[in-house]
PDB file of N, CA and C in Angstrom:
ATOM      1  N   MET A   1       0.847  -1.191   0.000  1.00  0.00           N
ATOM      2  CA  MET A   1       0.000   0.000   0.000  1.00  0.00           C
ATOM      3  C   MET A   1       0.886   1.245   0.000  1.00  0.00           C
ATOM      4  N   LYS A   2       0.554   2.214  -0.830  1.00  0.00           N
ATOM      5  CA  LYS A   2       1.352   3.443  -0.847  1.00  0.00           C
ATOM      6  C   LYS A   2       1.039   4.263   0.393  1.00  0.00           C
ATOM      7  N   LYS A   3       1.897   5.221   0.652  1.00  0.00           N
ATOM      8  CA  LYS A   3       1.674   6.095   1.805  1.00  0.00           C
ATOM      9  C   LYS A   3       0.348   6.826   1.638  1.00  0.00           C
ATOM     10  N   LEU A   4      -0.413   6.870   2.709  1.00  0.00           N
ATOM     11  CA  LEU A   4      -1.695   7.579   2.686  1.00  0.00           C
ATOM     12  C   LEU A   4      -1.562   8.878   3.460  1.00  0.00           C
ATOM     13  N   ASN A   5      -2.017   9.956   2.861  1.00  0.00           N
ATOM     14  CA  ASN A   5      -2.082  11.227   3.563  1.00  0.00           C
ATOM     15  C   ASN A   5      -3.522  11.473   3.976  1.00  0.00           C
ATOM     16  N   VAL A   6      -3.717  11.558   5.283  1.00  0.00           N
ATOM     17  CA  VAL A   6      -5.065  11.652   5.832  1.00  0.00           C
ATOM     18  C   VAL A   6      -5.217  12.965   6.585  1.00  0.00           C
ATOM     19  N   LEU A   7      -6.339  13.631   6.355  1.00  0.00           N
ATOM     20  CA  LEU A   7      -6.665  14.836   7.119  1.00  0.00           C
ATOM     21  C   LEU A   7      -7.928  14.560   7.924  1.00  0.00           C
ATOM     22  N   LEU A   8      -7.825  14.784   9.230  1.00  0.00           N
ATOM     23  CA  LEU A   8      -8.993  14.649  10.103  1.00  0.00           C
ATOM     24  C   LEU A   8      -9.521  16.045  10.387  1.00  0.00           C
ATOM     25  N   VAL A   9     -10.829  16.195  10.319  1.00  0.00           N
ATOM     26  CA  VAL A   9     -11.393  17.479  10.717  1.00  0.00           C
ATOM     27  C   VAL A   9     -12.527  17.296  11.711  1.00  0.00           C
ATOM     28  N   CYS A  10     -12.518  18.164  12.705  1.00  0.00           N
ATOM     29  CA  CYS A  10     -13.668  18.277  13.597  1.00  0.00           C
ATOM     30  C   CYS A  10     -13.973  19.764  13.646  1.00  0.00           C
ATOM     31  N   GLY A  11     -14.774  20.212  14.543  1.00  0.00           N
ATOM     32  CA  GLY A  11     -15.127  21.626  14.572  1.00  0.00           C
ATOM     33  C   GLY A  11     -13.930  22.520  14.831  1.00  0.00           C
ATOM     34  N   SER A  12     -13.271  22.337  15.975  1.00  0.00           N
ATOM     35  CA  SER A  12     -12.196  23.244  16.371  1.00  0.00           C
ATOM     36  C   SER A  12     -10.818  22.666  16.105  1.00  0.00           C
ATOM     37  N   GLY A  13     -10.716  21.362  15.959  1.00  0.00           N
ATOM     38  CA  GLY A  13      -9.421  20.735  15.787  1.00  0.00           C
ATOM     39  C   GLY A  13      -8.915  20.087  17.063  1.00  0.00           C
ATOM     40  N   ALA A  14      -9.601  20.291  18.184  1.00  0.00           N
ATOM     41  CA  ALA A  14      -9.107  19.735  19.451  1.00  0.00           C
ATOM     42  C   ALA A  14      -9.304  18.222  19.521  1.00  0.00           C
ATOM     43  N   SER A  15     -10.545  17.758  19.392  1.00  0.00           N
ATOM     44  CA  SER A  15     -10.768  16.316  19.498  1.00  0.00           C
ATOM     45  C   SER A  15     -10.106  15.567  18.354  1.00  0.00           C
ATOM     46  N   SER A  16     -10.054  16.160  17.161  1.00  0.00           N
ATOM     47  CA  SER A  16      -9.403  15.465  16.055  1.00  0.00           C
ATOM     48  C   SER A  16      -7.900  15.379  16.291  1.00  0.00           C
ATOM     49  N   GLY A  17      -7.340  16.307  17.049  1.00  0.00           N
ATOM     50  CA  GLY A  17      -5.918  16.237  17.399  1.00  0.00           C
ATOM     51  C   GLY A  17      -5.617  15.005  18.228  1.00  0.00           C
ATOM     52  N   PHE A  18      -6.455  14.727  19.218  1.00  0.00           N
ATOM     53  CA  PHE A  18      -6.287  13.523  20.033  1.00  0.00           C
ATOM     54  C   PHE A  18      -6.510  12.274  19.186  1.00  0.00           C
ATOM     55  N   MET A  19      -7.528  12.334  18.342  1.00  0.00           N
ATOM     56  CA  MET A  19      -7.830  11.194  17.479  1.00  0.00           C
ATOM     57  C   MET A  19      -6.660  10.915  16.542  1.00  0.00           C
ATOM     58  N   ALA A  20      -6.081  11.970  15.968  1.00  0.00           N
ATOM     59  CA  ALA A  20      -4.954  11.806  15.050  1.00  0.00           C
ATOM     60  C   ALA A  20      -3.782  11.133  15.761  1.00  0.00           C
ATOM     61  N   THR A  21      -3.507  11.566  16.992  1.00  0.00           N
ATOM     62  CA  THR A  21      -2.415  10.966  17.772  1.00  0.00           C
ATOM     63  C   THR A  21      -2.669   9.475  17.982  1.00  0.00           C
ATOM     64  N   ASN A  22      -3.885   9.128  18.365  1.00  0.00           N
ATOM     65  CA  ASN A  22      -4.226   7.729  18.610  1.00  0.00           C
ATOM     66  C   ASN A  22      -4.178   6.904  17.328  1.00  0.00           C
ATOM     67  N   MET A  23      -4.603   7.510  16.214  1.00  0.00           N
ATOM     68  CA  MET A  23      -4.546   6.813  14.925  1.00  0.00           C
ATOM     69  C   MET A  23      -3.105   6.596  14.477  1.00  0.00           C
ATOM     70  N   ARG A  24      -2.249   7.604  14.722  1.00  0.00           N
ATOM     71  CA  ARG A  24      -0.827   7.450  14.360  1.00  0.00           C
ATOM     72  C   ARG A  24      -0.219   6.287  15.123  1.00  0.00           C
ATOM     73  N   LYS A  25      -0.517   6.193  16.433  1.00  0.00           N
ATOM     74  CA  LYS A  25       0.009   5.091  17.244  1.00  0.00           C
ATOM     75  C   LYS A  25      -0.475   3.753  16.685  1.00  0.00           C
ATOM     76  N   ALA A  26      -1.756   3.685  16.356  1.00  0.00           N
ATOM     77  CA  ALA A  26      -2.331   2.445  15.827  1.00  0.00           C
ATOM     78  C   ALA A  26      -1.699   2.074  14.485  1.00  0.00           C
ATOM     79  N   ALA A  27      -1.456   3.089  13.645  1.00  0.00           N
ATOM     80  CA  ALA A  27      -0.859   2.845  12.329  1.00  0.00           C
ATOM     81  C   ALA A  27       0.574   2.332  12.467  1.00  0.00           C
ATOM     82  N   VAL A  28       1.339   2.943  13.372  1.00  0.00           N
ATOM     83  CA  VAL A  28       2.731   2.521  13.600  1.00  0.00           C
ATOM     84  C   VAL A  28       2.752   1.078  14.113  1.00  0.00           C
ATOM     85  N   ALA A  29       1.842   0.770  15.032  1.00  0.00           N
ATOM     86  CA  ALA A  29       1.783  -0.583  15.595  1.00  0.00           C
ATOM     87  C   ALA A  29       1.528  -1.628  14.508  1.00  0.00           C
ATOM     88  N   ARG A  30       0.854  -1.219  13.441  1.00  0.00           N
ATOM     89  CA  ARG A  30       0.542  -2.148  12.345  1.00  0.00           C
ATOM     90  C   ARG A  30       1.547  -2.049  11.199  1.00  0.00           C
ATOM     91  N   GLY A  31       2.503  -1.146  11.335  1.00  0.00           N
ATOM     92  CA  GLY A  31       3.498  -0.976  10.285  1.00  0.00           C
ATOM     93  C   GLY A  31       2.953  -0.290   9.039  1.00  0.00           C
ATOM     94  N   LEU A  32       1.937   0.547   9.211  1.00  0.00           N
ATOM     95  CA  LEU A  32       1.342   1.243   8.068  1.00  0.00           C
ATOM     96  C   LEU A  32       2.046   2.569   7.826  1.00  0.00           C
ATOM     97  N   ASP A  33       2.135   2.953   6.562  1.00  0.00           N
ATOM     98  CA  ASP A  33       2.729   4.240   6.200  1.00  0.00           C
ATOM     99  C   ASP A  33       1.591   5.246   5.995  1.00  0.00           C
ATOM    100  N   VAL A  34       1.215   5.897   7.080  1.00  0.00           N
ATOM    101  CA  VAL A  34       0.080   6.819   7.031  1.00  0.00           C
ATOM    102  C   VAL A  34       0.484   8.130   7.692  1.00  0.00           C
ATOM    103  N   ASP A  35       0.258   9.230   7.005  1.00  0.00           N
ATOM    104  CA  ASP A  35       0.500  10.543   7.585  1.00  0.00           C
ATOM    105  C   ASP A  35      -0.853  11.122   7.965  1.00  0.00           C
ATOM    106  N   ILE A  36      -1.041  11.399   9.242  1.00  0.00           N
ATOM    107  CA  ILE A  36      -2.354  11.847   9.716  1.00  0.00           C
ATOM    108  C   ILE A  36      -2.222  13.227  10.347  1.00  0.00           C
ATOM    109  N   LYS A  37      -2.948  14.175   9.771  1.00  0.00           N
ATOM    110  CA  LYS A  37      -2.962  15.529  10.318  1.00  0.00           C
ATOM    111  C   LYS A  37      -4.375  15.835  10.806  1.00  0.00           C
ATOM    112  N   ALA A  38      -4.455  16.705  11.792  1.00  0.00           N
ATOM    113  CA  ALA A  38      -5.759  17.153  12.273  1.00  0.00           C
ATOM    114  C   ALA A  38      -5.833  18.663  12.138  1.00  0.00           C
ATOM    115  N   ARG A  39      -6.917  19.125  11.569  1.00  0.00           N
ATOM    116  CA  ARG A  39      -7.110  20.559  11.397  1.00  0.00           C
ATOM    117  C   ARG A  39      -8.575  20.881  11.645  1.00  0.00           C
ATOM    118  N   SER A  40      -8.858  22.178  11.749  1.00  0.00           N
ATOM    119  CA  SER A  40     -10.261  22.542  11.878  1.00  0.00           C
ATOM    120  C   SER A  40     -10.889  22.537  10.490  1.00  0.00           C
ATOM    121  N   GLU A  41     -12.175  22.441  10.486  1.00  0.00           N
ATOM    122  CA  GLU A  41     -12.927  22.313   9.233  1.00  0.00           C
ATOM    123  C   GLU A  41     -12.675  23.506   8.309  1.00  0.00           C
ATOM    124  N   SER A  42     -12.385  24.674   8.880  1.00  0.00           N
ATOM    125  CA  SER A  42     -12.176  25.872   8.056  1.00  0.00           C
ATOM    126  C   SER A  42     -10.893  25.795   7.228  1.00  0.00           C
ATOM    127  N   GLU A  43     -10.017  24.830   7.542  1.00  0.00           N
ATOM    128  CA  GLU A  43      -8.740  24.732   6.835  1.00  0.00           C
ATOM    129  C   GLU A  43      -8.727  23.673   5.731  1.00  0.00           C
ATOM    130  N   ILE A  44      -9.843  23.006   5.505  1.00  0.00           N
ATOM    131  CA  ILE A  44      -9.879  21.910   4.523  1.00  0.00           C
ATOM    132  C   ILE A  44      -9.303  22.350   3.177  1.00  0.00           C
ATOM    133  N   GLU A  45      -9.736  23.502   2.717  1.00  0.00           N
ATOM    134  CA  GLU A  45      -9.304  23.985   1.394  1.00  0.00           C
ATOM    135  C   GLU A  45      -7.784  24.062   1.260  1.00  0.00           C
ATOM    136  N   ASN A  46      -7.104  24.421   2.366  1.00  0.00           N
ATOM    137  CA  ASN A  46      -5.651  24.580   2.327  1.00  0.00           C
ATOM    138  C   ASN A  46      -4.924  23.258   2.117  1.00  0.00           C
ATOM    139  N   TYR A  47      -5.569  22.153   2.474  1.00  0.00           N
ATOM    140  CA  TYR A  47      -4.899  20.859   2.464  1.00  0.00           C
ATOM    141  C   TYR A  47      -5.427  19.892   1.410  1.00  0.00           C
ATOM    142  N   ILE A  48      -6.562  20.207   0.820  1.00  0.00           N
ATOM    143  CA  ILE A  48      -7.295  19.242   0.000  1.00  0.00           C
ATOM    144  C   ILE A  48      -6.458  18.667  -1.148  1.00  0.00           C
ATOM    145  N   GLU A  49      -5.523  19.441  -1.688  1.00  0.00           N
ATOM    146  CA  GLU A  49      -4.748  18.947  -2.824  1.00  0.00           C
ATOM    147  C   GLU A  49      -3.603  18.038  -2.410  1.00  0.00           C
ATOM    148  N   ASP A  50      -3.313  17.988  -1.109  1.00  0.00           N
ATOM    149  CA  ASP A  50      -2.176  17.193  -0.625  1.00  0.00           C
ATOM    150  C   ASP A  50      -2.594  15.913   0.078  1.00  0.00           C
ATOM    151  N   ILE A  51      -3.893  15.628   0.082  1.00  0.00           N
ATOM    152  CA  ILE A  51      -4.341  14.464   0.857  1.00  0.00           C
ATOM    153  C   ILE A  51      -5.011  13.417  -0.026  1.00  0.00           C
ATOM    154  N   ASP A  52      -5.043  12.187   0.500  1.00  0.00           N
ATOM    155  CA  ASP A  52      -5.736  11.078  -0.158  1.00  0.00           C
ATOM    156  C   ASP A  52      -7.096  10.842   0.480  1.00  0.00           C
ATOM    157  N   VAL A  53      -7.162  11.143   1.784  1.00  0.00           N
ATOM    158  CA  VAL A  53      -8.374  10.840   2.545  1.00  0.00           C
ATOM    159  C   VAL A  53      -8.711  12.002   3.466  1.00  0.00           C
ATOM    160  N   LEU A  54      -9.989  12.332   3.505  1.00  0.00           N
ATOM    161  CA  LEU A  54     -10.494  13.319   4.458  1.00  0.00           C
ATOM    162  C   LEU A  54     -11.456  12.591   5.382  1.00  0.00           C
ATOM    163  N   MET A  55     -11.116  12.565   6.675  1.00  0.00           N
ATOM    164  CA  MET A  55     -12.008  11.939   7.655  1.00  0.00           C
ATOM    165  C   MET A  55     -12.679  13.047   8.453  1.00  0.00           C
ATOM    166  N   VAL A  56     -13.993  13.018   8.461  1.00  0.00           N
ATOM    167  CA  VAL A  56     -14.800  14.099   9.031  1.00  0.00           C
ATOM    168  C   VAL A  56     -15.466  13.612  10.314  1.00  0.00           C
ATOM    169  N   GLY A  57     -15.388  14.427  11.359  1.00  0.00           N
ATOM    170  CA  GLY A  57     -16.041  14.095  12.628  1.00  0.00           C
ATOM    171  C   GLY A  57     -17.534  13.887  12.426  1.00  0.00           C
ATOM    172  N   PRO A  58     -18.115  12.943  13.178  1.00  0.00           N
ATOM    173  CA  PRO A  58     -19.528  12.585  12.970  1.00  0.00           C
ATOM    174  C   PRO A  58     -20.489  13.752  13.161  1.00  0.00           C
ATOM    175  N   HIS A  59     -20.109  14.707  14.010  1.00  0.00           N
ATOM    176  CA  HIS A  59     -20.978  15.864  14.261  1.00  0.00           C
ATOM    177  C   HIS A  59     -20.915  16.875  13.116  1.00  0.00           C
ATOM    178  N   LEU A  60     -20.055  16.630  12.125  1.00  0.00           N
ATOM    179  CA  LEU A  60     -19.932  17.545  10.991  1.00  0.00           C
ATOM    180  C   LEU A  60     -20.529  16.968   9.718  1.00  0.00           C
ATOM    181  N   ALA A  61     -21.408  15.994   9.855  1.00  0.00           N
ATOM    182  CA  ALA A  61     -22.010  15.369   8.668  1.00  0.00           C
ATOM    183  C   ALA A  61     -22.587  16.429   7.732  1.00  0.00           C
ATOM    184  N   TYR A  62     -23.059  17.521   8.306  1.00  0.00           N
ATOM    185  CA  TYR A  62     -23.710  18.560   7.495  1.00  0.00           C
ATOM    186  C   TYR A  62     -22.744  19.269   6.535  1.00  0.00           C
ATOM    187  N   ILE A  63     -21.422  19.139   6.736  1.00  0.00           N
ATOM    188  CA  ILE A  63     -20.490  19.826   5.813  1.00  0.00           C
ATOM    189  C   ILE A  63     -20.123  18.960   4.605  1.00  0.00           C
ATOM    190  N   LEU A  64     -20.627  17.729   4.551  1.00  0.00           N
ATOM    191  CA  LEU A  64     -20.199  16.833   3.478  1.00  0.00           C
ATOM    192  C   LEU A  64     -20.512  17.389   2.088  1.00  0.00           C
ATOM    193  N   ASP A  65     -21.615  18.115   1.951  1.00  0.00           N
ATOM    194  CA  ASP A  65     -21.933  18.704   0.648  1.00  0.00           C
ATOM    195  C   ASP A  65     -20.878  19.741   0.256  1.00  0.00           C
ATOM    196  N   GLU A  66     -20.490  20.581   1.224  1.00  0.00           N
ATOM    197  CA  GLU A  66     -19.450  21.583   0.974  1.00  0.00           C
ATOM    198  C   GLU A  66     -18.156  20.901   0.572  1.00  0.00           C
ATOM    199  N   VAL A  67     -17.833  19.827   1.297  1.00  0.00           N
ATOM    200  CA  VAL A  67     -16.587  19.111   1.049  1.00  0.00           C
ATOM    201  C   VAL A  67     -16.539  18.601  -0.391  1.00  0.00           C
ATOM    202  N   GLU A  68     -17.684  18.163  -0.892  1.00  0.00           N
ATOM    203  CA  GLU A  68     -17.743  17.679  -2.275  1.00  0.00           C
ATOM    204  C   GLU A  68     -17.299  18.781  -3.238  1.00  0.00           C
ATOM    205  N   GLU A  69     -17.604  20.035  -2.914  1.00  0.00           N
ATOM    206  CA  GLU A  69     -17.185  21.142  -3.771  1.00  0.00           C
ATOM    207  C   GLU A  69     -15.665  21.276  -3.758  1.00  0.00           C
ATOM    208  N   TYR A  70     -15.060  21.128  -2.584  1.00  0.00           N
ATOM    209  CA  TYR A  70     -13.600  21.214  -2.481  1.00  0.00           C
ATOM    210  C   TYR A  70     -12.933  20.079  -3.246  1.00  0.00           C
ATOM    211  N   THR A  71     -13.520  18.878  -3.162  1.00  0.00           N
ATOM    212  CA  THR A  71     -12.852  17.699  -3.717  1.00  0.00           C
ATOM    213  C   THR A  71     -13.182  17.476  -5.183  1.00  0.00           C
ATOM    214  N   GLY A  72     -14.028  18.338  -5.755  1.00  0.00           N
ATOM    215  CA  GLY A  72     -14.436  18.162  -7.142  1.00  0.00           C
ATOM    216  C   GLY A  72     -13.251  17.903  -8.063  1.00  0.00           C
ATOM    217  N   GLY A  73     -13.241  16.748  -8.712  1.00  0.00           N
ATOM    218  CA  GLY A  73     -12.174  16.438  -9.648  1.00  0.00           C
ATOM    219  C   GLY A  73     -10.921  15.870  -9.002  1.00  0.00           C
ATOM    220  N   LEU A  74     -10.813  15.941  -7.681  1.00  0.00           N
ATOM    221  CA  LEU A  74      -9.648  15.387  -7.001  1.00  0.00           C
ATOM    222  C   LEU A  74      -9.967  13.979  -6.523  1.00  0.00           C
ATOM    223  N   ASP A  75      -8.931  13.148  -6.442  1.00  0.00           N
ATOM    224  CA  ASP A  75      -9.140  11.776  -6.001  1.00  0.00           C
ATOM    225  C   ASP A  75      -8.972  11.706  -4.489  1.00  0.00           C
ATOM    226  N   VAL A  76      -9.928  12.276  -3.783  1.00  0.00           N
ATOM    227  CA  VAL A  76      -9.876  12.289  -2.323  1.00  0.00           C
ATOM    228  C   VAL A  76     -11.063  11.494  -1.792  1.00  0.00           C
ATOM    229  N   LYS A  77     -10.768  10.506  -0.974  1.00  0.00           N
ATOM    230  CA  LYS A  77     -11.820   9.689  -0.357  1.00  0.00           C
ATOM    231  C   LYS A  77     -12.324  10.443   0.864  1.00  0.00           C
ATOM    232  N   VAL A  78     -13.632  10.648   0.943  1.00  0.00           N
ATOM    233  CA  VAL A  78     -14.207  11.334   2.101  1.00  0.00           C
ATOM    234  C   VAL A  78     -14.918  10.300   2.974  1.00  0.00           C
ATOM    235  N   ILE A  79     -14.523  10.250   4.243  1.00  0.00           N
ATOM    236  CA  ILE A  79     -15.083   9.268   5.174  1.00  0.00           C
ATOM    237  C   ILE A  79     -15.694  10.002   6.363  1.00  0.00           C
ATOM    238  N   LEU A  80     -16.945   9.713   6.626  1.00  0.00           N
ATOM    239  CA  LEU A  80     -17.584  10.253   7.828  1.00  0.00           C
ATOM    240  C   LEU A  80     -17.274   9.288   8.972  1.00  0.00           C
ATOM    241  N   MET A  81     -16.587   9.786   9.984  1.00  0.00           N
ATOM    242  CA  MET A  81     -16.203   8.921  11.100  1.00  0.00           C
ATOM    243  C   MET A  81     -17.432   8.467  11.884  1.00  0.00           C
ATOM    244  N   ASN A  82     -17.333   7.278  12.456  1.00  0.00           N
ATOM    245  CA  ASN A  82     -18.439   6.726  13.245  1.00  0.00           C
ATOM    246  C   ASN A  82     -18.394   7.258  14.669  1.00  0.00           C
ATOM    247  N   PRO A  83     -19.561   7.622  15.196  1.00  0.00           N
ATOM    248  CA  PRO A  83     -19.593   8.149  16.568  1.00  0.00           C
ATOM    249  C   PRO A  83     -19.062   7.153  17.597  1.00  0.00           C
ATOM    250  N   ASP A  84     -19.213   5.832  17.328  1.00  0.00           N
ATOM    251  CA  ASP A  84     -18.807   4.854  18.352  1.00  0.00           C
ATOM    252  C   ASP A  84     -17.312   4.934  18.646  1.00  0.00           C
ATOM    253  N   TYR A  85     -16.473   5.059  17.625  1.00  0.00           N
ATOM    254  CA  TYR A  85     -15.039   5.161  17.932  1.00  0.00           C
ATOM    255  C   TYR A  85     -14.585   6.607  18.104  1.00  0.00           C
ATOM    256  N   TYR A  86     -15.305   7.543  17.480  1.00  0.00           N
ATOM    257  CA  TYR A  86     -14.894   8.947  17.594  1.00  0.00           C
ATOM    258  C   TYR A  86     -15.087   9.439  19.026  1.00  0.00           C
ATOM    259  N   SER A  87     -16.189   9.060  19.630  1.00  0.00           N
ATOM    260  CA  SER A  87     -16.492   9.546  20.985  1.00  0.00           C
ATOM    261  C   SER A  87     -15.494   9.019  22.011  1.00  0.00           C
ATOM    262  N   THR A  88     -14.888   7.858  21.727  1.00  0.00           N
ATOM    263  CA  THR A  88     -13.911   7.291  22.657  1.00  0.00           C
ATOM    264  C   THR A  88     -12.486   7.535  22.163  1.00  0.00           C
ATOM    265  N   LEU A  89     -12.349   8.235  21.019  1.00  0.00           N
ATOM    266  CA  LEU A  89     -11.049   8.517  20.407  1.00  0.00           C
ATOM    267  C   LEU A  89     -10.254   7.230  20.185  1.00  0.00           C
ATOM    268  N   ASN A  90     -10.950   6.197  19.727  1.00  0.00           N
ATOM    269  CA  ASN A  90     -10.323   4.892  19.508  1.00  0.00           C
ATOM    270  C   ASN A  90      -9.596   4.879  18.153  1.00  0.00           C
ATOM    271  N   GLY A  91      -8.289   5.081  18.192  1.00  0.00           N
ATOM    272  CA  GLY A  91      -7.492   5.162  16.978  1.00  0.00           C
ATOM    273  C   GLY A  91      -7.470   3.867  16.192  1.00  0.00           C
ATOM    274  N   ASP A  92      -7.483   2.738  16.918  1.00  0.00           N
ATOM    275  CA  ASP A  92      -7.462   1.432  16.268  1.00  0.00           C
ATOM    276  C   ASP A  92      -8.692   1.226  15.390  1.00  0.00           C
ATOM    277  N   LYS A  93      -9.853   1.540  15.958  1.00  0.00           N
ATOM    278  CA  LYS A  93     -11.100   1.371  15.198  1.00  0.00           C
ATOM    279  C   LYS A  93     -11.175   2.355  14.040  1.00  0.00           C
ATOM    280  N   ALA A  94     -10.629   3.550  14.243  1.00  0.00           N
ATOM    281  CA  ALA A  94     -10.618   4.541  13.167  1.00  0.00           C
ATOM    282  C   ALA A  94      -9.743   4.045  12.010  1.00  0.00           C
ATOM    283  N   ILE A  95      -8.596   3.439  12.335  1.00  0.00           N
ATOM    284  CA  ILE A  95      -7.719   2.881  11.296  1.00  0.00           C
ATOM    285  C   ILE A  95      -8.432   1.725  10.587  1.00  0.00           C
ATOM    286  N   ASP A  96      -9.140   0.887  11.355  1.00  0.00           N
ATOM    287  CA  ASP A  96      -9.930  -0.201  10.736  1.00  0.00           C
ATOM    288  C   ASP A  96     -10.902   0.374   9.710  1.00  0.00           C
ATOM    289  N   HIS A  97     -11.607   1.423  10.106  1.00  0.00           N
ATOM    290  CA  HIS A  97     -12.600   2.047   9.234  1.00  0.00           C
ATOM    291  C   HIS A  97     -11.923   2.614   7.986  1.00  0.00           C
ATOM    292  N   LEU A  98     -10.811   3.305   8.206  1.00  0.00           N
ATOM    293  CA  LEU A  98     -10.054   3.889   7.091  1.00  0.00           C
ATOM    294  C   LEU A  98      -9.638   2.792   6.101  1.00  0.00           C
ATOM    295  N   LEU A  99      -9.070   1.718   6.622  1.00  0.00           N
ATOM    296  CA  LEU A  99      -8.590   0.645   5.742  1.00  0.00           C
ATOM    297  C   LEU A  99      -9.742  -0.027   4.993  1.00  0.00           C
ATOM    298  N   SER A 100     -10.863  -0.217   5.682  1.00  0.00           N
ATOM    299  CA  SER A 100     -12.005  -0.871   5.017  1.00  0.00           C
ATOM    300  C   SER A 100     -12.545  -0.004   3.899  1.00  0.00           C
ATOM    301  N   GLU A 101     -12.494   1.325   4.068  1.00  0.00           N
ATOM    302  CA  GLU A 101     -12.967   2.234   3.028  1.00  0.00           C
ATOM    303  C   GLU A 101     -12.004   2.301   1.840  1.00  0.00           C
ATOM    304  N   MET A 102     -10.731   2.015   2.089  1.00  0.00           N
ATOM    305  CA  MET A 102      -9.721   2.132   1.043  1.00  0.00           C
ATOM    306  C   MET A 102      -9.616   0.876   0.180  1.00  0.00           C
ATOM    307  N   GLU A 103     -10.245  -0.211   0.618  1.00  0.00           N
ATOM    308  CA  GLU A 103     -10.129  -1.474  -0.139  1.00  0.00           C
ATOM    309  C   GLU A 103     -10.832  -1.413  -1.471  1.00  0.00           C
TER     310      GLU A 103
END
């Protein structure tokens, strides 16, 4: 698998920061080459051309239409994170979800 560049977004960037840290640990434990950044939703445009995957916090489902405008024509996979692992910041389950979406 090639290196994956992943951007996590939540409202302010705080919870996604913790999630990104936990996902990085989970990815390293599995020997995956994944670069995971966390930013606030307002910064998506700045990063959209450099990423393969955009993972969106479950409480931001309403921005998915906007995100489609940013990703128009780009090969970016958009994944809405599940509340079950997002609420517990479970990096392992988030990586599972990411990998299942990439297959």
